[in-house]
PDB file of N, CA and C in Angstrom:
ATOM      1  N   UNK A   1      -2.239   8.058   8.314  1.00  0.00           N
ATOM      2  CA  UNK A   1      -0.955   8.300   7.692  1.00  0.00           C
ATOM      3  C   UNK A   1      -0.341   9.581   8.235  1.00  0.00           C
ATOM      4  N   UNK A   2       0.922   9.706   8.025  1.00  0.00           N
ATOM      5  CA  UNK A   2       1.615  10.907   8.469  1.00  0.00           C
ATOM      6  C   UNK A   2       1.564  11.978   7.403  1.00  0.00           C
ATOM      7  N   UNK A   3       1.920  13.189   7.783  1.00  0.00           N
ATOM      8  CA  UNK A   3       1.883  14.281   6.816  1.00  0.00           C
ATOM      9  C   UNK A   3       3.052  14.189   5.845  1.00  0.00           C
ATOM     10  N   UNK A   4       3.028  15.032   4.842  1.00  0.00           N
ATOM     11  CA  UNK A   4       4.014  14.992   3.752  1.00  0.00           C
ATOM     12  C   UNK A   4       5.434  15.272   4.214  1.00  0.00           C
ATOM     13  N   UNK A   5       5.642  15.749   5.428  1.00  0.00           N
ATOM     14  CA  UNK A   5       6.984  16.074   5.889  1.00  0.00           C
ATOM     15  C   UNK A   5       7.662  14.898   6.582  1.00  0.00           C
ATOM     16  N   UNK A   6       7.091  13.695   6.487  1.00  0.00           N
ATOM     17  CA  UNK A   6       7.670  12.552   7.174  1.00  0.00           C
ATOM     18  C   UNK A   6       9.069  12.248   6.658  1.00  0.00           C
ATOM     19  N   UNK A   7       9.862  11.642   7.517  1.00  0.00           N
ATOM     20  CA  UNK A   7      11.249  11.373   7.161  1.00  0.00           C
ATOM     21  C   UNK A   7      11.374  10.398   6.006  1.00  0.00           C
ATOM     22  N   UNK A   8      10.411   9.449   5.868  1.00  0.00           N
ATOM     23  CA  UNK A   8      10.474   8.520   4.737  1.00  0.00           C
ATOM     24  C   UNK A   8      10.400   9.276   3.421  1.00  0.00           C
ATOM     25  N   UNK A   9       9.464  10.193   3.320  1.00  0.00           N
ATOM     26  CA  UNK A   9       9.295  10.935   2.077  1.00  0.00           C
ATOM     27  C   UNK A   9      10.473  11.876   1.846  1.00  0.00           C
ATOM     28  N   UNK A  10      10.980  12.497   2.900  1.00  0.00           N
ATOM     29  CA  UNK A  10      12.133  13.373   2.765  1.00  0.00           C
ATOM     30  C   UNK A  10      13.325  12.601   2.223  1.00  0.00           C
ATOM     31  N   UNK A  11      13.559  11.420   2.760  1.00  0.00           N
ATOM     32  CA  UNK A  11      14.675  10.599   2.292  1.00  0.00           C
ATOM     33  C   UNK A  11      14.473  10.166   0.846  1.00  0.00           C
ATOM     34  N   UNK A  12      13.234   9.866   0.469  1.00  0.00           N
ATOM     35  CA  UNK A  12      12.950   9.459  -0.903  1.00  0.00           C
ATOM     36  C   UNK A  12      13.251  10.589  -1.873  1.00  0.00           C
ATOM     37  N   UNK A  13      12.840  11.789  -1.542  1.00  0.00           N
ATOM     38  CA  UNK A  13      13.041  12.936  -2.414  1.00  0.00           C
ATOM     39  C   UNK A  13      14.523  13.228  -2.589  1.00  0.00           C
ATOM     40  N   UNK A  14      15.330  12.970  -1.565  1.00  0.00           N
ATOM     41  CA  UNK A  14      16.759  13.271  -1.614  1.00  0.00           C
ATOM     42  C   UNK A  14      17.554  12.305  -2.486  1.00  0.00           C
ATOM     43  N   UNK A  15      16.941  11.208  -2.910  1.00  0.00           N
ATOM     44  CA  UNK A  15      17.661  10.230  -3.723  1.00  0.00           C
ATOM     45  C   UNK A  15      18.040  10.827  -5.065  1.00  0.00           C
ATOM     46  N   UNK A  16      19.142  10.353  -5.613  1.00  0.00           N
ATOM     47  CA  UNK A  16      19.600  10.800  -6.922  1.00  0.00           C
ATOM     48  C   UNK A  16      18.654  10.298  -8.003  1.00  0.00           C
ATOM     49  N   UNK A  17      18.273  11.177  -8.917  1.00  0.00           N
ATOM     50  CA  UNK A  17      17.364  10.765  -9.987  1.00  0.00           C
ATOM     51  C   UNK A  17      18.091   9.986 -11.073  1.00  0.00           C
ATOM     52  N   UNK A  18      19.422  10.084 -11.133  1.00  0.00           N
ATOM     53  CA  UNK A  18      20.163   9.368 -12.160  1.00  0.00           C
ATOM     54  C   UNK A  18      20.345   7.895 -11.832  1.00  0.00           C
ATOM     55  N   UNK A  19      20.218   7.532 -10.579  1.00  0.00           N
ATOM     56  CA  UNK A  19      20.370   6.137 -10.165  1.00  0.00           C
ATOM     57  C   UNK A  19      19.060   5.673  -9.568  1.00  0.00           C
ATOM     58  N   UNK A  20      18.465   4.654 -10.174  1.00  0.00           N
ATOM     59  CA  UNK A  20      17.195   4.135  -9.667  1.00  0.00           C
ATOM     60  C   UNK A  20      17.476   3.289  -8.440  1.00  0.00           C
ATOM     61  N   UNK A  21      17.170   3.834  -7.278  1.00  0.00           N
ATOM     62  CA  UNK A  21      17.399   3.122  -6.029  1.00  0.00           C
ATOM     63  C   UNK A  21      16.070   2.817  -5.386  1.00  0.00           C
ATOM     64  N   UNK A  22      16.035   1.723  -4.694  1.00  0.00           N
ATOM     65  CA  UNK A  22      14.881   1.389  -3.899  1.00  0.00           C
ATOM     66  C   UNK A  22      15.259   1.573  -2.448  1.00  0.00           C
ATOM     67  N   UNK A  23      14.588   2.463  -1.795  1.00  0.00           N
ATOM     68  CA  UNK A  23      14.875   2.693  -0.396  1.00  0.00           C
ATOM     69  C   UNK A  23      13.694   2.200   0.408  1.00  0.00           C
ATOM     70  N   UNK A  24      13.950   1.225   1.237  1.00  0.00           N
ATOM     71  CA  UNK A  24      12.906   0.656   2.053  1.00  0.00           C
ATOM     72  C   UNK A  24      13.228   0.996   3.493  1.00  0.00           C
ATOM     73  N   UNK A  25      12.284   1.618   4.147  1.00  0.00           N
ATOM     74  CA  UNK A  25      12.456   1.944   5.547  1.00  0.00           C
ATOM     75  C   UNK A  25      11.277   1.380   6.309  1.00  0.00           C
ATOM     76  N   UNK A  26      11.557   0.684   7.364  1.00  0.00           N
ATOM     77  CA  UNK A  26      10.503   0.134   8.213  1.00  0.00           C
ATOM     78  C   UNK A  26      10.325   1.062   9.393  1.00  0.00           C
ATOM     79  N   UNK A  27       9.132   1.574   9.545  1.00  0.00           N
ATOM     80  CA  UNK A  27       8.819   2.418  10.679  1.00  0.00           C
ATOM     81  C   UNK A  27       8.581   1.510  11.874  1.00  0.00           C
ATOM     82  N   UNK A  28       9.305   1.721  12.956  1.00  0.00           N
ATOM     83  CA  UNK A  28       9.235   0.842  14.119  1.00  0.00           C
ATOM     84  C   UNK A  28       7.873   0.872  14.798  1.00  0.00           C
ATOM     85  N   UNK A  29       7.087   1.936  14.602  1.00  0.00           N
ATOM     86  CA  UNK A  29       5.801   2.051  15.261  1.00  0.00           C
ATOM     87  C   UNK A  29       4.648   1.655  14.345  1.00  0.00           C
ATOM     88  N   UNK A  30       4.889   1.393  13.097  1.00  0.00           N
ATOM     89  CA  UNK A  30       3.812   1.119  12.144  1.00  0.00           C
ATOM     90  C   UNK A  30       4.034  -0.201  11.428  1.00  0.00           C
ATOM     91  N   UNK A  31       3.008  -0.621  10.731  1.00  0.00           N
ATOM     92  CA  UNK A  31       3.046  -1.886   9.995  1.00  0.00           C
ATOM     93  C   UNK A  31       3.299  -1.686   8.516  1.00  0.00           C
ATOM     94  N   UNK A  32       3.812  -0.547   8.128  1.00  0.00           N
ATOM     95  CA  UNK A  32       4.025  -0.291   6.704  1.00  0.00           C
ATOM     96  C   UNK A  32       5.491  -0.002   6.405  1.00  0.00           C
ATOM     97  N   UNK A  33       5.800  -0.137   5.117  1.00  0.00           N
ATOM     98  CA  UNK A  33       7.106   0.278   4.614  1.00  0.00           C
ATOM     99  C   UNK A  33       6.853   1.370   3.578  1.00  0.00           C
ATOM    100  N   UNK A  34       7.828   2.211   3.380  1.00  0.00           N
ATOM    101  CA  UNK A  34       7.761   3.252   2.350  1.00  0.00           C
ATOM    102  C   UNK A  34       8.814   2.899   1.329  1.00  0.00           C
ATOM    103  N   UNK A  35       8.379   2.682   0.097  1.00  0.00           N
ATOM    104  CA  UNK A  35       9.264   2.157  -0.933  1.00  0.00           C
ATOM    105  C   UNK A  35       8.910   2.787  -2.271  1.00  0.00           C
ATOM    106  N   UNK A  36       9.872   3.411  -2.906  1.00  0.00           N
ATOM    107  CA  UNK A  36       9.679   3.967  -4.249  1.00  0.00           C
ATOM    108  C   UNK A  36       8.446   4.874  -4.340  1.00  0.00           C
ATOM    109  N   UNK A  37       8.241   5.699  -3.307  1.00  0.00           N
ATOM    110  CA  UNK A  37       7.144   6.657  -3.321  1.00  0.00           C
ATOM    111  C   UNK A  37       5.791   6.115  -2.919  1.00  0.00           C
ATOM    112  N   UNK A  38       5.736   4.871  -2.410  1.00  0.00           N
ATOM    113  CA  UNK A  38       4.470   4.253  -2.017  1.00  0.00           C
ATOM    114  C   UNK A  38       4.577   3.678  -0.608  1.00  0.00           C
ATOM    115  N   UNK A  39       3.442   3.606   0.061  1.00  0.00           N
ATOM    116  CA  UNK A  39       3.364   2.921   1.347  1.00  0.00           C
ATOM    117  C   UNK A  39       2.838   1.516   1.086  1.00  0.00           C
ATOM    118  N   UNK A  40       3.437   0.511   1.725  1.00  0.00           N
ATOM    119  CA  UNK A  40       3.024  -0.875   1.559  1.00  0.00           C
ATOM    120  C   UNK A  40       2.691  -1.507   2.901  1.00  0.00           C
ATOM    121  N   UNK A  41       1.576  -2.235   2.924  1.00  0.00           N
ATOM    122  CA  UNK A  41       1.163  -3.035   4.064  1.00  0.00           C
ATOM    123  C   UNK A  41       1.119  -4.478   3.577  1.00  0.00           C
ATOM    124  N   UNK A  42       1.830  -5.368   4.242  1.00  0.00           N
ATOM    125  CA  UNK A  42       1.906  -6.757   3.798  1.00  0.00           C
ATOM    126  C   UNK A  42       0.807  -7.577   4.465  1.00  0.00           C
ATOM    127  N   UNK A  43      -0.079  -8.159   3.660  1.00  0.00           N
ATOM    128  CA  UNK A  43      -1.101  -9.065   4.176  1.00  0.00           C
ATOM    129  C   UNK A  43      -0.528 -10.468   4.298  1.00  0.00           C
ATOM    130  N   UNK A  44       0.123 -10.922   3.232  1.00  0.00           N
ATOM    131  CA  UNK A  44       0.916 -12.158   3.220  1.00  0.00           C
ATOM    132  C   UNK A  44       2.151 -11.826   2.393  1.00  0.00           C
ATOM    133  N   UNK A  45       3.019 -12.781   2.203  1.00  0.00           N
ATOM    134  CA  UNK A  45       4.216 -12.502   1.408  1.00  0.00           C
ATOM    135  C   UNK A  45       3.861 -12.191  -0.046  1.00  0.00           C
ATOM    136  N   UNK A  46       2.682 -12.640  -0.494  1.00  0.00           N
ATOM    137  CA  UNK A  46       2.288 -12.427  -1.888  1.00  0.00           C
ATOM    138  C   UNK A  46       1.049 -11.546  -2.049  1.00  0.00           C
ATOM    139  N   UNK A  47       0.550 -10.959  -0.968  1.00  0.00           N
ATOM    140  CA  UNK A  47      -0.605 -10.051  -1.041  1.00  0.00           C
ATOM    141  C   UNK A  47      -0.288  -8.800  -0.245  1.00  0.00           C
ATOM    142  N   UNK A  48      -0.470  -7.637  -0.890  1.00  0.00           N
ATOM    143  CA  UNK A  48      -0.125  -6.372  -0.250  1.00  0.00           C
ATOM    144  C   UNK A  48      -1.176  -5.309  -0.529  1.00  0.00           C
ATOM    145  N   UNK A  49      -1.265  -4.365   0.390  1.00  0.00           N
ATOM    146  CA  UNK A  49      -2.068  -3.161   0.202  1.00  0.00           C
ATOM    147  C   UNK A  49      -1.077  -2.024   0.017  1.00  0.00           C
ATOM    148  N   UNK A  50      -1.281  -1.201  -0.993  1.00  0.00           N
ATOM    149  CA  UNK A  50      -0.399  -0.060  -1.196  1.00  0.00           C
ATOM    150  C   UNK A  50      -1.209   1.223  -1.251  1.00  0.00           C
ATOM    151  N   UNK A  51      -0.575   2.298  -0.794  1.00  0.00           N
ATOM    152  CA  UNK A  51      -1.160   3.637  -0.852  1.00  0.00           C
ATOM    153  C   UNK A  51      -0.177   4.492  -1.626  1.00  0.00           C
ATOM    154  N   UNK A  52      -0.647   5.096  -2.710  1.00  0.00           N
ATOM    155  CA  UNK A  52       0.252   5.858  -3.571  1.00  0.00           C
ATOM    156  C   UNK A  52      -0.507   7.019  -4.200  1.00  0.00           C
ATOM    157  N   UNK A  53       0.221   7.813  -4.951  1.00  0.00           N
ATOM    158  CA  UNK A  53      -0.384   8.897  -5.717  1.00  0.00           C
ATOM    159  C   UNK A  53      -0.165   8.626  -7.193  1.00  0.00           C
ATOM    160  N   UNK A  54      -1.198   8.875  -7.988  1.00  0.00           N
ATOM    161  CA  UNK A  54      -1.120   8.731  -9.441  1.00  0.00           C
ATOM    162  C   UNK A  54      -1.841   9.924 -10.049  1.00  0.00           C
ATOM    163  N   UNK A  55      -1.125  10.709 -10.806  1.00  0.00           N
ATOM    164  CA  UNK A  55      -1.676  11.917 -11.423  1.00  0.00           C
ATOM    165  C   UNK A  55      -2.385  12.797 -10.399  1.00  0.00           C
ATOM    166  N   UNK A  56      -1.773  12.923  -9.226  1.00  0.00           N
ATOM    167  CA  UNK A  56      -2.293  13.786  -8.171  1.00  0.00           C
ATOM    168  C   UNK A  56      -3.404  13.189  -7.330  1.00  0.00           C
ATOM    169  N   UNK A  57      -3.815  11.968  -7.638  1.00  0.00           N
ATOM    170  CA  UNK A  57      -4.885  11.307  -6.894  1.00  0.00           C
ATOM    171  C   UNK A  57      -4.320  10.224  -5.986  1.00  0.00           C
ATOM    172  N   UNK A  58      -4.807  10.170  -4.747  1.00  0.00           N
ATOM    173  CA  UNK A  58      -4.417   9.101  -3.830  1.00  0.00           C
ATOM    174  C   UNK A  58      -5.152   7.837  -4.250  1.00  0.00           C
ATOM    175  N   UNK A  59      -4.408   6.729  -4.337  1.00  0.00           N
ATOM    176  CA  UNK A  59      -4.965   5.454  -4.763  1.00  0.00           C
ATOM    177  C   UNK A  59      -4.625   4.382  -3.727  1.00  0.00           C
ATOM    178  N   UNK A  60      -5.563   3.488  -3.473  1.00  0.00           N
ATOM    179  CA  UNK A  60      -5.344   2.366  -2.570  1.00  0.00           C
ATOM    180  C   UNK A  60      -5.490   1.095  -3.398  1.00  0.00           C
ATOM    181  N   UNK A  61      -4.453   0.266  -3.386  1.00  0.00           N
ATOM    182  CA  UNK A  61      -4.473  -0.971  -4.172  1.00  0.00           C
ATOM    183  C   UNK A  61      -4.363  -2.175  -3.248  1.00  0.00           C
ATOM    184  N   UNK A  62      -5.148  -3.188  -3.544  1.00  0.00           N
ATOM    185  CA  UNK A  62      -5.038  -4.485  -2.881  1.00  0.00           C
ATOM    186  C   UNK A  62      -4.682  -5.446  -3.997  1.00  0.00           C
ATOM    187  N   UNK A  63      -3.499  -6.027  -3.936  1.00  0.00           N
ATOM    188  CA  UNK A  63      -2.971  -6.723  -5.098  1.00  0.00           C
ATOM    189  C   UNK A  63      -2.165  -7.954  -4.711  1.00  0.00           C
ATOM    190  N   UNK A  64      -2.150  -8.936  -5.603  1.00  0.00           N
ATOM    191  CA  UNK A  64      -1.261 -10.092  -5.477  1.00  0.00           C
ATOM    192  C   UNK A  64       0.071  -9.759  -6.136  1.00  0.00           C
ATOM    193  N   UNK A  65       1.128 -10.331  -5.598  1.00  0.00           N
ATOM    194  CA  UNK A  65       2.482 -10.116  -6.094  1.00  0.00           C
ATOM    195  C   UNK A  65       3.129 -11.461  -6.407  1.00  0.00           C
ATOM    196  N   UNK A  66       4.213 -11.431  -7.170  1.00  0.00           N
ATOM    197  CA  UNK A  66       5.021 -12.616  -7.415  1.00  0.00           C
ATOM    198  C   UNK A  66       6.483 -12.224  -7.271  1.00  0.00           C
ATOM    199  N   UNK A  67       7.317 -13.216  -7.001  1.00  0.00           N
ATOM    200  CA  UNK A  67       8.748 -12.964  -6.837  1.00  0.00           C
ATOM    201  C   UNK A  67       9.492 -13.349  -8.105  1.00  0.00           C
ATOM    202  N   UNK A  68      10.343 -12.435  -8.567  1.00  0.00           N
ATOM    203  CA  UNK A  68      11.168 -12.699  -9.743  1.00  0.00           C
ATOM    204  C   UNK A  68      12.537 -12.096  -9.487  1.00  0.00           C
ATOM    205  N   UNK A  69      13.547 -12.920  -9.552  1.00  0.00           N
ATOM    206  CA  UNK A  69      14.929 -12.477  -9.346  1.00  0.00           C
ATOM    207  C   UNK A  69      15.090 -11.711  -8.036  1.00  0.00           C
ATOM    208  N   UNK A  70      14.432 -12.204  -6.972  1.00  0.00           N
ATOM    209  CA  UNK A  70      14.542 -11.579  -5.665  1.00  0.00           C
ATOM    210  C   UNK A  70      13.750 -10.302  -5.491  1.00  0.00           C
ATOM    211  N   UNK A  71      12.929  -9.980  -6.474  1.00  0.00           N
ATOM    212  CA  UNK A  71      12.134  -8.754  -6.429  1.00  0.00           C
ATOM    213  C   UNK A  71      10.650  -9.115  -6.365  1.00  0.00           C
ATOM    214  N   UNK A  72       9.892  -8.376  -5.571  1.00  0.00           N
ATOM    215  CA  UNK A  72       8.458  -8.562  -5.461  1.00  0.00           C
ATOM    216  C   UNK A  72       7.769  -7.654  -6.480  1.00  0.00           C
ATOM    217  N   UNK A  73       7.036  -8.267  -7.428  1.00  0.00           N
ATOM    218  CA  UNK A  73       6.404  -7.515  -8.508  1.00  0.00           C
ATOM    219  C   UNK A  73       4.895  -7.731  -8.500  1.00  0.00           C
ATOM    220  N   UNK A  74       4.105  -6.693  -8.849  1.00  0.00           N
ATOM    221  CA  UNK A  74       2.642  -6.826  -8.828  1.00  0.00           C
ATOM    222  C   UNK A  74       2.120  -7.625 -10.015  1.00  0.00           C
ATOM    223  N   UNK A  75       1.005  -8.317  -9.775  1.00  0.00           N
ATOM    224  CA  UNK A  75       0.303  -9.009 -10.856  1.00  0.00           C
ATOM    225  C   UNK A  75      -0.907  -8.171 -11.261  1.00  0.00           C
ATOM    226  N   UNK A  76      -1.660  -8.657 -12.238  1.00  0.00           N
ATOM    227  CA  UNK A  76      -2.893  -7.985 -12.642  1.00  0.00           C
ATOM    228  C   UNK A  76      -4.037  -8.305 -11.681  1.00  0.00           C
ATOM    229  N   UNK A  77      -3.828  -9.305 -10.817  1.00  0.00           N
ATOM    230  CA  UNK A  77      -4.871  -9.721  -9.886  1.00  0.00           C
ATOM    231  C   UNK A  77      -4.936  -8.742  -8.720  1.00  0.00           C
ATOM    232  N   UNK A  78      -5.982  -7.961  -8.695  1.00  0.00           N
ATOM    233  CA  UNK A  78      -6.150  -7.007  -7.611  1.00  0.00           C
ATOM    234  C   UNK A  78      -7.093  -5.903  -8.022  1.00  0.00           C
ATOM    235  N   UNK A  79      -7.215  -4.947  -7.138  1.00  0.00           N
ATOM    236  CA  UNK A  79      -8.106  -3.818  -7.373  1.00  0.00           C
ATOM    237  C   UNK A  79      -7.436  -2.546  -6.871  1.00  0.00           C
ATOM    238  N   UNK A  80      -7.680  -1.462  -7.573  1.00  0.00           N
ATOM    239  CA  UNK A  80      -7.193  -0.153  -7.158  1.00  0.00           C
ATOM    240  C   UNK A  80      -8.403   0.752  -6.976  1.00  0.00           C
ATOM    241  N   UNK A  81      -8.481   1.371  -5.817  1.00  0.00           N
ATOM    242  CA  UNK A  81      -9.602   2.248  -5.493  1.00  0.00           C
ATOM    243  C   UNK A  81      -9.143   3.692  -5.401  1.00  0.00           C
ATOM    244  N   UNK A  82      -9.929   4.582  -5.981  1.00  0.00           N
ATOM    245  CA  UNK A  82      -9.692   5.997  -5.760  1.00  0.00           C
ATOM    246  C   UNK A  82     -10.196   6.330  -4.361  1.00  0.00           C
ATOM    247  N   UNK A  83      -9.783   7.472  -3.856  1.00  0.00           N
ATOM    248  CA  UNK A  83     -10.065   7.837  -2.476  1.00  0.00           C
ATOM    249  C   UNK A  83     -11.557   7.831  -2.151  1.00  0.00           C
ATOM    250  N   UNK A  84     -12.412   8.289  -3.049  1.00  0.00           N
ATOM    251  CA  UNK A  84     -13.856   8.305  -2.760  1.00  0.00           C
ATOM    252  C   UNK A  84     -14.410   6.889  -2.634  1.00  0.00           C
ATOM    253  N   UNK A  85     -13.929   5.958  -3.454  1.00  0.00           N
ATOM    254  CA  UNK A  85     -14.347   4.557  -3.335  1.00  0.00           C
ATOM    255  C   UNK A  85     -13.820   3.930  -2.053  1.00  0.00           C
ATOM    256  N   UNK A  86     -12.606   4.292  -1.664  1.00  0.00           N
ATOM    257  CA  UNK A  86     -12.017   3.795  -0.424  1.00  0.00           C
ATOM    258  C   UNK A  86     -12.857   4.239   0.779  1.00  0.00           C
ATOM    259  N   UNK A  87     -13.258   5.510   0.792  1.00  0.00           N
ATOM    260  CA  UNK A  87     -14.077   6.026   1.887  1.00  0.00           C
ATOM    261  C   UNK A  87     -15.408   5.274   1.956  1.00  0.00           C
ATOM    262  N   UNK A  88     -16.018   5.014   0.821  1.00  0.00           N
ATOM    263  CA  UNK A  88     -17.272   4.267   0.774  1.00  0.00           C
ATOM    264  C   UNK A  88     -17.062   2.842   1.287  1.00  0.00           C
ATOM    265  N   UNK A  89     -15.992   2.196   0.857  1.00  0.00           N
ATOM    266  CA  UNK A  89     -15.675   0.837   1.294  1.00  0.00           C
ATOM    267  C   UNK A  89     -15.543   0.776   2.811  1.00  0.00           C
ATOM    268  N   UNK A  90     -14.860   1.744   3.404  1.00  0.00           N
ATOM    269  CA  UNK A  90     -14.660   1.761   4.854  1.00  0.00           C
ATOM    270  C   UNK A  90     -15.989   1.830   5.604  1.00  0.00           C
ATOM    271  N   UNK A  91     -17.007   2.462   5.010  1.00  0.00           N
ATOM    272  CA  UNK A  91     -18.318   2.545   5.656  1.00  0.00           C
ATOM    273  C   UNK A  91     -18.981   1.172   5.793  1.00  0.00           C
ATOM    274  N   UNK A  92     -18.584   0.224   4.961  1.00  0.00           N
ATOM    275  CA  UNK A  92     -19.188  -1.103   4.959  1.00  0.00           C
ATOM    276  C   UNK A  92     -18.475  -2.112   5.867  1.00  0.00           C
ATOM    277  N   UNK A  93     -17.343  -1.755   6.441  1.00  0.00           N
ATOM    278  CA  UNK A  93     -16.524  -2.725   7.180  1.00  0.00           C
ATOM    279  C   UNK A  93     -17.298  -3.425   8.293  1.00  0.00           C
ATOM    280  N   UNK A  94     -18.013  -2.686   9.123  1.00  0.00           N
ATOM    281  CA  UNK A  94     -18.747  -3.309  10.230  1.00  0.00           C
ATOM    282  C   UNK A  94     -19.788  -4.296   9.703  1.00  0.00           C
ATOM    283  N   UNK A  95     -20.523  -3.923   8.656  1.00  0.00           N
ATOM    284  CA  UNK A  95     -21.535  -4.817   8.089  1.00  0.00           C
ATOM    285  C   UNK A  95     -20.893  -6.035   7.422  1.00  0.00           C
ATOM    286  N   UNK A  96     -19.764  -5.836   6.768  1.00  0.00           N
ATOM    287  CA  UNK A  96     -19.040  -6.968   6.174  1.00  0.00           C
ATOM    288  C   UNK A  96     -18.623  -7.937   7.272  1.00  0.00           C
ATOM    289  N   UNK A  97     -18.117  -7.411   8.379  1.00  0.00           N
ATOM    290  CA  UNK A  97     -17.737  -8.263   9.512  1.00  0.00           C
ATOM    291  C   UNK A  97     -18.937  -9.042  10.043  1.00  0.00           C
ATOM    292  N   UNK A  98     -20.093  -8.383  10.125  1.00  0.00           N
ATOM    293  CA  UNK A  98     -21.316  -9.082  10.562  1.00  0.00           C
ATOM    294  C   UNK A  98     -21.622 -10.249   9.640  1.00  0.00           C
ATOM    295  N   UNK A  99     -21.568 -10.025   8.344  1.00  0.00           N
ATOM    296  CA  UNK A  99     -21.846 -11.074   7.359  1.00  0.00           C
ATOM    297  C   UNK A  99     -20.838 -12.210   7.462  1.00  0.00           C
ATOM    298  N   UNK A 100     -19.586 -11.867   7.654  1.00  0.00           N
ATOM    299  CA  UNK A 100     -18.540 -12.889   7.803  1.00  0.00           C
ATOM    300  C   UNK A 100     -18.847 -13.748   9.026  1.00  0.00           C
ATOM    301  N   UNK A 101     -19.186 -13.106  10.139  1.00  0.00           N
ATOM    302  CA  UNK A 101     -19.475 -13.847  11.363  1.00  0.00           C
ATOM    303  C   UNK A 101     -20.711 -14.748  11.202  1.00  0.00           C
ATOM    304  N   UNK A 102     -21.721 -14.279  10.471  1.00  0.00           N
ATOM    305  CA  UNK A 102     -22.902 -15.099  10.225  1.00  0.00           C
ATOM    306  C   UNK A 102     -22.543 -16.324   9.407  1.00  0.00           C
ATOM    307  N   UNK A 103     -21.687 -16.164   8.401  1.00  0.00           N
ATOM    308  CA  UNK A 103     -21.318 -17.276   7.537  1.00  0.00           C
ATOM    309  C   UNK A 103     -20.336 -18.239   8.198  1.00  0.00           C
ATOM    310  N   UNK A 104     -19.610 -17.784   9.202  1.00  0.00           N
ATOM    311  CA  UNK A 104     -18.657 -18.659   9.906  1.00  0.00           C
ATOM    312  C   UNK A 104     -19.367 -19.667  10.795  1.00  0.00           C
ATOM    313  N   UNK A 105     -20.631 -19.386  11.166  1.00  0.00           N
ATOM    314  CA  UNK A 105     -21.380 -20.268  12.091  1.00  0.00           C
ATOM    315  C   UNK A 105     -21.828 -21.527  11.426  1.00  0.00           C
TER     316      UNK A 105
END
């Protein structure tokens, strides 16, 4: 991820607090969007990974979404990991891939 001085975050902070606006910017070099203070990675149209802050803690969520009135909204189906759990999960990726490949045969 980029540092806190990125243009997406700067633009978000500059928004008027009296008007709830959704500002979506697609970074041409990355696969994420920055929307309402969160980074989103789209797995499918209804499954997304988000990176956000909650009470000062970085959180990573893998969640299903649904569409209502043209808006993509999260469901209860998913998981949110705190940063320490995310780091632990990343340590297992190679072994998970091995298991997946064994089961695909």
